[in-house]
Amino acid sequence: MSKTPMFSLSAEEDGRSLGTVYSTSSKTLREFGAAYMRDPKTRGEITLKNPEGRAVASFDVWQDKWSETAETFE
């Protein structure tokens, strides 16, 4: 059985893990994460990671958009 590469979206608040969601589609996780962060009750941070586990983006609530990490551009 082959393993399908999975992107992950992790949520944290005050250094405490709130959980991780997985998908084969980074676009789906970006859409889900943006909707989650736009909820007025949501606090904390979310980070999108590639299938290798490296952070590729985080959601910037002040700019209301995803911010790519420097590693994404290398």
N, C-alpha and C. Protein backbone atom coordinates (compact mmCIF):
# COMPACT_ATOMS: atom_id res chain seq x y z
N MET A 1 0.84 -1.17 0.00
CA MET A 1 0.00 0.00 0.00
C MET A 1 0.89 1.25 0.00
N SER A 2 0.66 2.14 -0.96
CA SER A 2 1.47 3.36 -1.02
C SER A 2 0.82 4.44 -0.18
N LYS A 3 1.66 5.29 0.38
CA LYS A 3 1.16 6.39 1.19
C LYS A 3 1.04 7.63 0.32
N THR A 4 -0.09 8.28 0.39
CA THR A 4 -0.31 9.53 -0.32
C THR A 4 0.26 10.67 0.50
N PRO A 5 1.06 11.55 -0.12
CA PRO A 5 1.60 12.69 0.62
C PRO A 5 0.47 13.57 1.16
N MET A 6 0.58 13.92 2.43
CA MET A 6 -0.46 14.72 3.08
C MET A 6 0.12 16.03 3.61
N PHE A 7 -0.56 17.12 3.27
CA PHE A 7 -0.25 18.41 3.87
C PHE A 7 -0.95 18.44 5.22
N SER A 8 -0.48 19.30 6.12
CA SER A 8 -1.13 19.41 7.43
C SER A 8 -1.34 20.87 7.80
N LEU A 9 -2.36 21.09 8.59
CA LEU A 9 -2.68 22.42 9.11
C LEU A 9 -2.80 22.28 10.62
N SER A 10 -1.88 22.92 11.34
CA SER A 10 -1.85 22.82 12.80
C SER A 10 -2.28 24.13 13.43
N ALA A 11 -3.07 24.01 14.51
CA ALA A 11 -3.53 25.18 15.25
C ALA A 11 -2.93 25.17 16.65
N GLU A 12 -2.51 26.34 17.11
CA GLU A 12 -1.95 26.50 18.45
C GLU A 12 -2.50 27.77 19.09
N GLU A 13 -2.60 27.73 20.42
CA GLU A 13 -2.97 28.92 21.17
C GLU A 13 -2.13 28.95 22.44
N ASP A 14 -1.39 30.02 22.62
CA ASP A 14 -0.50 30.17 23.78
C ASP A 14 0.42 28.97 23.95
N GLY A 15 0.97 28.47 22.86
CA GLY A 15 1.91 27.35 22.90
C GLY A 15 1.26 25.99 23.10
N ARG A 16 -0.05 25.95 23.14
CA ARG A 16 -0.78 24.69 23.34
C ARG A 16 -1.37 24.24 22.01
N SER A 17 -1.14 22.99 21.64
CA SER A 17 -1.66 22.45 20.39
C SER A 17 -3.17 22.28 20.49
N LEU A 18 -3.87 22.79 19.47
CA LEU A 18 -5.33 22.64 19.39
C LEU A 18 -5.72 21.52 18.44
N GLY A 19 -4.75 20.99 17.70
CA GLY A 19 -5.03 19.89 16.79
C GLY A 19 -4.46 20.13 15.41
N THR A 20 -4.52 19.09 14.61
CA THR A 20 -4.00 19.12 13.25
C THR A 20 -4.99 18.46 12.31
N VAL A 21 -5.15 19.06 11.14
CA VAL A 21 -6.02 18.54 10.08
C VAL A 21 -5.12 18.19 8.90
N TYR A 22 -5.42 17.09 8.22
CA TYR A 22 -4.61 16.62 7.10
C TYR A 22 -5.42 16.56 5.81
N SER A 23 -4.74 16.81 4.69
CA SER A 23 -5.36 16.71 3.37
C SER A 23 -4.29 16.54 2.31
N THR A 24 -4.66 15.94 1.20
CA THR A 24 -3.74 15.85 0.06
C THR A 24 -3.69 17.18 -0.69
N SER A 25 -4.61 18.09 -0.37
CA SER A 25 -4.70 19.37 -1.06
C SER A 25 -4.33 20.53 -0.13
N SER A 26 -3.25 21.23 -0.46
CA SER A 26 -2.89 22.40 0.34
C SER A 26 -3.92 23.51 0.13
N LYS A 27 -4.53 23.57 -1.04
CA LYS A 27 -5.56 24.58 -1.32
C LYS A 27 -6.75 24.40 -0.38
N THR A 28 -7.18 23.17 -0.19
CA THR A 28 -8.30 22.89 0.70
C THR A 28 -7.96 23.33 2.13
N LEU A 29 -6.75 23.01 2.58
CA LEU A 29 -6.34 23.40 3.93
C LEU A 29 -6.25 24.91 4.07
N ARG A 30 -5.79 25.60 3.03
CA ARG A 30 -5.72 27.06 3.07
C ARG A 30 -7.12 27.66 3.18
N GLU A 31 -8.07 27.13 2.43
CA GLU A 31 -9.44 27.64 2.48
C GLU A 31 -10.06 27.37 3.86
N PHE A 32 -9.87 26.16 4.37
CA PHE A 32 -10.38 25.80 5.68
C PHE A 32 -9.76 26.68 6.76
N GLY A 33 -8.43 26.83 6.71
CA GLY A 33 -7.72 27.61 7.71
C GLY A 33 -8.11 29.08 7.70
N ALA A 34 -8.28 29.65 6.52
CA ALA A 34 -8.69 31.06 6.42
C ALA A 34 -10.07 31.25 7.03
N ALA A 35 -11.00 30.35 6.73
CA ALA A 35 -12.35 30.45 7.29
C ALA A 35 -12.30 30.31 8.82
N TYR A 36 -11.49 29.40 9.30
CA TYR A 36 -11.32 29.20 10.74
C TYR A 36 -10.79 30.45 11.41
N MET A 37 -9.76 31.06 10.84
CA MET A 37 -9.14 32.23 11.46
C MET A 37 -10.02 33.48 11.35
N ARG A 38 -10.94 33.52 10.41
CA ARG A 38 -11.82 34.68 10.26
C ARG A 38 -12.99 34.65 11.25
N ASP A 39 -13.18 33.54 11.94
CA ASP A 39 -14.22 33.46 12.97
C ASP A 39 -13.82 34.37 14.12
N PRO A 40 -14.67 35.28 14.54
CA PRO A 40 -14.31 36.23 15.59
C PRO A 40 -13.94 35.57 16.93
N LYS A 41 -14.38 34.34 17.16
CA LYS A 41 -14.09 33.65 18.42
C LYS A 41 -12.73 32.94 18.39
N THR A 42 -12.13 32.83 17.22
CA THR A 42 -10.87 32.10 17.08
C THR A 42 -9.70 32.93 17.58
N ARG A 43 -8.81 32.27 18.31
CA ARG A 43 -7.57 32.89 18.79
C ARG A 43 -6.43 31.94 18.42
N GLY A 44 -5.23 32.45 18.48
CA GLY A 44 -4.08 31.61 18.22
C GLY A 44 -3.54 31.73 16.82
N GLU A 45 -2.83 30.69 16.40
CA GLU A 45 -2.16 30.69 15.10
C GLU A 45 -2.38 29.36 14.39
N ILE A 46 -2.29 29.40 13.07
CA ILE A 46 -2.31 28.17 12.29
C ILE A 46 -1.13 28.16 11.34
N THR A 47 -0.61 26.96 11.10
CA THR A 47 0.55 26.80 10.23
C THR A 47 0.28 25.67 9.24
N LEU A 48 0.53 25.96 7.98
CA LEU A 48 0.42 24.96 6.93
C LEU A 48 1.79 24.33 6.72
N LYS A 49 1.84 23.01 6.72
CA LYS A 49 3.10 22.29 6.51
C LYS A 49 3.00 21.39 5.29
N ASN A 50 4.13 21.25 4.59
CA ASN A 50 4.17 20.38 3.42
C ASN A 50 4.24 18.91 3.87
N PRO A 51 4.15 17.96 2.95
CA PRO A 51 4.18 16.55 3.34
C PRO A 51 5.45 16.13 4.08
N GLU A 52 6.53 16.88 3.95
CA GLU A 52 7.76 16.57 4.68
C GLU A 52 7.74 17.15 6.09
N GLY A 53 6.70 17.92 6.44
CA GLY A 53 6.57 18.48 7.77
C GLY A 53 7.16 19.86 7.95
N ARG A 54 7.61 20.49 6.86
CA ARG A 54 8.17 21.83 6.95
C ARG A 54 7.08 22.88 6.77
N ALA A 55 7.13 23.92 7.60
CA ALA A 55 6.15 25.00 7.50
C ALA A 55 6.32 25.72 6.16
N VAL A 56 5.20 25.95 5.48
CA VAL A 56 5.25 26.67 4.21
C VAL A 56 4.47 27.99 4.28
N ALA A 57 3.54 28.10 5.25
CA ALA A 57 2.75 29.33 5.37
C ALA A 57 2.06 29.38 6.73
N SER A 58 1.72 30.61 7.11
CA SER A 58 0.89 30.82 8.30
C SER A 58 -0.12 31.90 7.95
N PHE A 59 -1.24 31.90 8.67
CA PHE A 59 -2.28 32.87 8.35
C PHE A 59 -2.07 34.12 9.19
N ASP A 60 -1.97 35.26 8.52
CA ASP A 60 -1.77 36.55 9.17
C ASP A 60 -3.15 37.20 9.34
N VAL A 61 -3.65 37.23 10.58
CA VAL A 61 -4.99 37.77 10.82
C VAL A 61 -5.06 39.27 10.57
N TRP A 62 -3.96 39.98 10.75
CA TRP A 62 -3.96 41.44 10.55
C TRP A 62 -4.09 41.79 9.07
N GLN A 63 -3.48 40.98 8.21
CA GLN A 63 -3.56 41.23 6.77
C GLN A 63 -4.67 40.40 6.12
N ASP A 64 -5.27 39.48 6.88
CA ASP A 64 -6.33 38.61 6.40
C ASP A 64 -5.90 37.81 5.16
N LYS A 65 -4.68 37.24 5.26
CA LYS A 65 -4.19 36.43 4.15
C LYS A 65 -3.08 35.50 4.64
N TRP A 66 -2.74 34.55 3.81
CA TRP A 66 -1.64 33.63 4.10
C TRP A 66 -0.31 34.31 3.85
N SER A 67 0.64 34.09 4.74
CA SER A 67 2.00 34.59 4.57
C SER A 67 2.91 33.38 4.34
N GLU A 68 3.59 33.38 3.22
CA GLU A 68 4.49 32.27 2.89
C GLU A 68 5.75 32.37 3.73
N THR A 69 6.32 31.25 4.10
CA THR A 69 7.60 31.26 4.82
C THR A 69 8.72 31.49 3.83
N ALA A 70 9.87 31.90 4.34
CA ALA A 70 11.03 32.14 3.47
C ALA A 70 11.44 30.86 2.75
N GLU A 71 11.28 29.70 3.39
CA GLU A 71 11.66 28.43 2.78
C GLU A 71 10.83 28.13 1.53
N THR A 72 9.62 28.66 1.48
CA THR A 72 8.73 28.42 0.34
C THR A 72 9.36 28.97 -0.94
N PHE A 73 10.09 30.06 -0.82
CA PHE A 73 10.64 30.72 -2.00
C PHE A 73 12.00 30.21 -2.43
N GLU A 74 12.63 29.37 -1.63
CA GLU A 74 13.97 28.87 -1.95
C GLU A 74 13.94 27.84 -3.04
